[in-house]
N, C-alpha and C. Protein backbone atom coordinates (compact mmCIF):
# COMPACT_ATOMS: atom_id res chain seq x y z
N MET A 1 3.35 -13.65 11.15
CA MET A 1 4.25 -12.62 10.65
C MET A 1 3.98 -11.30 11.36
N LEU A 2 2.72 -10.95 11.49
CA LEU A 2 2.36 -9.70 12.17
C LEU A 2 2.74 -9.76 13.64
N LYS A 3 2.61 -10.96 14.23
CA LYS A 3 2.99 -11.12 15.64
C LYS A 3 4.48 -10.86 15.83
N HIS A 4 5.30 -11.33 14.87
CA HIS A 4 6.73 -11.13 14.97
C HIS A 4 7.08 -9.65 14.84
N ALA A 5 6.42 -8.96 13.91
CA ALA A 5 6.67 -7.54 13.73
C ALA A 5 6.30 -6.75 14.98
N ILE A 6 5.17 -7.09 15.58
CA ILE A 6 4.74 -6.40 16.80
C ILE A 6 5.72 -6.70 17.94
N LEU A 7 6.15 -7.95 18.05
CA LEU A 7 7.11 -8.32 19.09
C LEU A 7 8.42 -7.56 18.93
N ILE A 8 8.92 -7.47 17.71
CA ILE A 8 10.16 -6.74 17.46
C ILE A 8 9.99 -5.27 17.80
N ALA A 9 8.87 -4.69 17.41
CA ALA A 9 8.61 -3.28 17.70
C ALA A 9 8.57 -3.04 19.21
N VAL A 10 7.91 -3.92 19.94
CA VAL A 10 7.82 -3.77 21.40
C VAL A 10 9.21 -3.90 22.04
N VAL A 11 10.00 -4.85 21.56
CA VAL A 11 11.35 -5.04 22.10
C VAL A 11 12.21 -3.81 21.83
N VAL A 12 12.16 -3.29 20.62
CA VAL A 12 12.97 -2.11 20.28
C VAL A 12 12.53 -0.91 21.10
N ILE A 13 11.24 -0.66 21.18
CA ILE A 13 10.74 0.47 21.96
C ILE A 13 11.09 0.29 23.44
N GLY A 14 10.97 -0.91 23.94
CA GLY A 14 11.33 -1.18 25.33
C GLY A 14 12.81 -0.93 25.58
N TYR A 15 13.66 -1.37 24.66
CA TYR A 15 15.10 -1.15 24.81
C TYR A 15 15.43 0.33 24.81
N ILE A 16 14.83 1.07 23.88
CA ILE A 16 15.08 2.51 23.80
C ILE A 16 14.60 3.21 25.06
N ALA A 17 13.42 2.83 25.55
CA ALA A 17 12.88 3.44 26.76
C ALA A 17 13.73 3.09 27.97
N TYR A 18 14.23 1.88 28.05
CA TYR A 18 15.01 1.44 29.20
C TYR A 18 16.39 2.11 29.25
N THR A 19 17.04 2.20 28.07
CA THR A 19 18.39 2.74 28.04
C THR A 19 18.43 4.25 27.87
N GLY A 20 17.37 4.84 27.35
CA GLY A 20 17.35 6.28 27.14
C GLY A 20 18.20 6.73 25.98
N VAL A 21 18.38 5.87 24.98
CA VAL A 21 19.19 6.19 23.82
C VAL A 21 18.50 7.28 23.00
N ASP A 22 19.29 8.23 22.49
CA ASP A 22 18.76 9.29 21.63
C ASP A 22 18.66 8.76 20.20
N VAL A 23 17.45 8.70 19.67
CA VAL A 23 17.23 8.12 18.36
C VAL A 23 16.74 9.16 17.34
N THR A 24 16.97 10.43 17.60
CA THR A 24 16.47 11.46 16.69
C THR A 24 17.13 11.39 15.33
N GLU A 25 18.44 11.09 15.28
CA GLU A 25 19.13 10.99 13.99
C GLU A 25 18.58 9.82 13.18
N GLU A 26 18.40 8.68 13.83
CA GLU A 26 17.87 7.53 13.13
C GLU A 26 16.44 7.78 12.65
N TYR A 27 15.65 8.44 13.49
CA TYR A 27 14.28 8.74 13.10
C TYR A 27 14.26 9.71 11.92
N ASP A 28 15.13 10.72 11.95
CA ASP A 28 15.19 11.68 10.84
C ASP A 28 15.60 11.00 9.54
N SER A 29 16.58 10.10 9.61
CA SER A 29 17.02 9.40 8.39
C SER A 29 15.92 8.47 7.88
N ALA A 30 15.22 7.80 8.80
CA ALA A 30 14.12 6.94 8.37
C ALA A 30 12.99 7.77 7.77
N SER A 31 12.75 8.94 8.30
CA SER A 31 11.71 9.82 7.75
C SER A 31 12.09 10.29 6.35
N LYS A 32 13.37 10.60 6.15
CA LYS A 32 13.82 11.03 4.82
C LYS A 32 13.66 9.90 3.81
N VAL A 33 14.03 8.69 4.20
CA VAL A 33 13.89 7.54 3.30
C VAL A 33 12.42 7.30 2.97
N ARG A 34 11.56 7.38 3.99
CA ARG A 34 10.12 7.20 3.77
C ARG A 34 9.59 8.25 2.81
N ASN A 35 10.00 9.50 2.98
CA ASN A 35 9.53 10.56 2.09
C ASN A 35 10.02 10.37 0.66
N ILE A 36 11.25 9.92 0.51
CA ILE A 36 11.78 9.66 -0.83
C ILE A 36 10.99 8.54 -1.49
N ILE A 37 10.74 7.47 -0.75
CA ILE A 37 10.00 6.34 -1.30
C ILE A 37 8.59 6.77 -1.70
N LEU A 38 7.93 7.52 -0.84
CA LEU A 38 6.56 7.94 -1.16
C LEU A 38 6.53 8.92 -2.31
N ASP A 39 7.43 9.90 -2.32
CA ASP A 39 7.41 10.94 -3.35
C ASP A 39 7.93 10.46 -4.69
N ASP A 40 8.98 9.66 -4.70
CA ASP A 40 9.63 9.29 -5.95
C ASP A 40 9.21 7.93 -6.50
N VAL A 41 8.65 7.07 -5.68
CA VAL A 41 8.28 5.73 -6.15
C VAL A 41 6.78 5.53 -6.11
N PHE A 42 6.19 5.65 -4.95
CA PHE A 42 4.79 5.29 -4.79
C PHE A 42 3.84 6.28 -5.45
N ASP A 43 4.05 7.58 -5.28
CA ASP A 43 3.15 8.57 -5.83
C ASP A 43 3.08 8.52 -7.37
N PRO A 44 4.21 8.46 -8.08
CA PRO A 44 4.11 8.35 -9.54
C PRO A 44 3.44 7.05 -9.99
N PHE A 45 3.71 5.96 -9.27
CA PHE A 45 3.09 4.68 -9.61
C PHE A 45 1.58 4.75 -9.40
N ALA A 46 1.15 5.30 -8.26
CA ALA A 46 -0.28 5.42 -7.97
C ALA A 46 -0.95 6.35 -8.99
N LYS A 47 -0.28 7.42 -9.36
CA LYS A 47 -0.83 8.35 -10.35
C LYS A 47 -1.02 7.65 -11.69
N LYS A 48 -0.05 6.85 -12.10
CA LYS A 48 -0.14 6.13 -13.37
C LYS A 48 -1.27 5.11 -13.35
N VAL A 49 -1.40 4.36 -12.25
CA VAL A 49 -2.45 3.36 -12.12
C VAL A 49 -3.82 4.01 -12.13
N LEU A 50 -3.99 5.09 -11.39
CA LEU A 50 -5.28 5.78 -11.35
C LEU A 50 -5.63 6.39 -12.69
N LYS A 51 -4.65 6.91 -13.42
CA LYS A 51 -4.91 7.47 -14.75
C LYS A 51 -5.37 6.38 -15.71
N GLN A 52 -4.69 5.24 -15.70
CA GLN A 52 -5.08 4.15 -16.58
C GLN A 52 -6.44 3.59 -16.20
N ALA A 53 -6.73 3.52 -14.92
CA ALA A 53 -8.03 3.02 -14.48
C ALA A 53 -9.15 3.97 -14.89
N SER A 54 -8.90 5.26 -14.83
CA SER A 54 -9.94 6.21 -15.21
C SER A 54 -10.17 6.23 -16.72
N GLU A 55 -9.17 5.87 -17.50
CA GLU A 55 -9.30 5.86 -18.96
C GLU A 55 -9.69 4.49 -19.51
N SER A 56 -9.88 3.50 -18.67
CA SER A 56 -10.09 2.15 -19.15
C SER A 56 -11.51 1.85 -19.59
N GLU A 57 -12.48 2.71 -19.28
CA GLU A 57 -13.88 2.50 -19.62
C GLU A 57 -14.34 1.13 -19.12
N LEU A 58 -14.14 0.90 -17.85
CA LEU A 58 -14.44 -0.38 -17.23
C LEU A 58 -15.90 -0.75 -17.37
N ASP A 59 -16.80 0.23 -17.31
CA ASP A 59 -18.23 -0.08 -17.42
C ASP A 59 -18.57 -0.70 -18.77
N LYS A 60 -17.96 -0.21 -19.84
CA LYS A 60 -18.20 -0.78 -21.17
C LYS A 60 -17.64 -2.20 -21.27
N ILE A 61 -16.48 -2.42 -20.67
CA ILE A 61 -15.87 -3.75 -20.69
C ILE A 61 -16.76 -4.74 -19.95
N VAL A 62 -17.30 -4.35 -18.79
CA VAL A 62 -18.16 -5.24 -18.01
C VAL A 62 -19.45 -5.52 -18.77
N GLU A 63 -20.06 -4.51 -19.36
CA GLU A 63 -21.29 -4.71 -20.12
C GLU A 63 -21.08 -5.64 -21.31
N SER A 64 -19.98 -5.44 -22.03
CA SER A 64 -19.73 -6.30 -23.20
C SER A 64 -19.44 -7.74 -22.76
N THR A 65 -18.78 -7.92 -21.64
CA THR A 65 -18.51 -9.26 -21.14
C THR A 65 -19.80 -9.95 -20.71
N ILE A 66 -20.69 -9.21 -20.06
CA ILE A 66 -21.98 -9.79 -19.66
C ILE A 66 -22.78 -10.17 -20.88
N GLU A 67 -22.80 -9.32 -21.89
CA GLU A 67 -23.52 -9.65 -23.13
C GLU A 67 -22.89 -10.84 -23.83
N LYS A 68 -21.58 -10.92 -23.83
CA LYS A 68 -20.88 -12.00 -24.51
C LYS A 68 -21.17 -13.35 -23.87
N TYR A 69 -21.20 -13.40 -22.56
CA TYR A 69 -21.38 -14.67 -21.87
C TYR A 69 -22.80 -14.89 -21.38
N GLY A 70 -23.74 -14.08 -21.79
CA GLY A 70 -25.15 -14.32 -21.54
C GLY A 70 -25.69 -13.85 -20.21
N GLY A 71 -24.93 -13.10 -19.47
CA GLY A 71 -25.44 -12.56 -18.22
C GLY A 71 -25.51 -13.62 -17.14
N TYR A 72 -26.50 -13.46 -16.26
CA TYR A 72 -26.65 -14.40 -15.14
C TYR A 72 -27.32 -15.68 -15.60
N ASN A 73 -26.96 -16.79 -14.97
CA ASN A 73 -27.53 -18.08 -15.29
C ASN A 73 -28.58 -18.40 -14.25
N ASN A 74 -29.87 -18.51 -14.68
CA ASN A 74 -30.97 -18.72 -13.73
C ASN A 74 -31.35 -20.21 -13.65
N GLU A 75 -30.54 -21.12 -14.10
CA GLU A 75 -30.87 -22.54 -14.12
C GLU A 75 -30.49 -23.25 -12.83
N MET A 76 -30.21 -22.57 -11.75
CA MET A 76 -29.79 -23.21 -10.51
C MET A 76 -30.90 -23.88 -9.85
């Protein structure tokens, strides 16, 4: 899959370099879409996940689970 993406990128860049097509409008529109996605979708989602992770008291959950299941098994 990564090989196909790299191949497509090389072909597109090669075509643009060979023909000299002006791609500033397309780049600007792609940049706007990327900024919208990052600002309106990804950033709020990441903020929510990080807030929940910081409030989850993971250390207490791990300790209680270790106590519940007896810790490490040394019978190997």
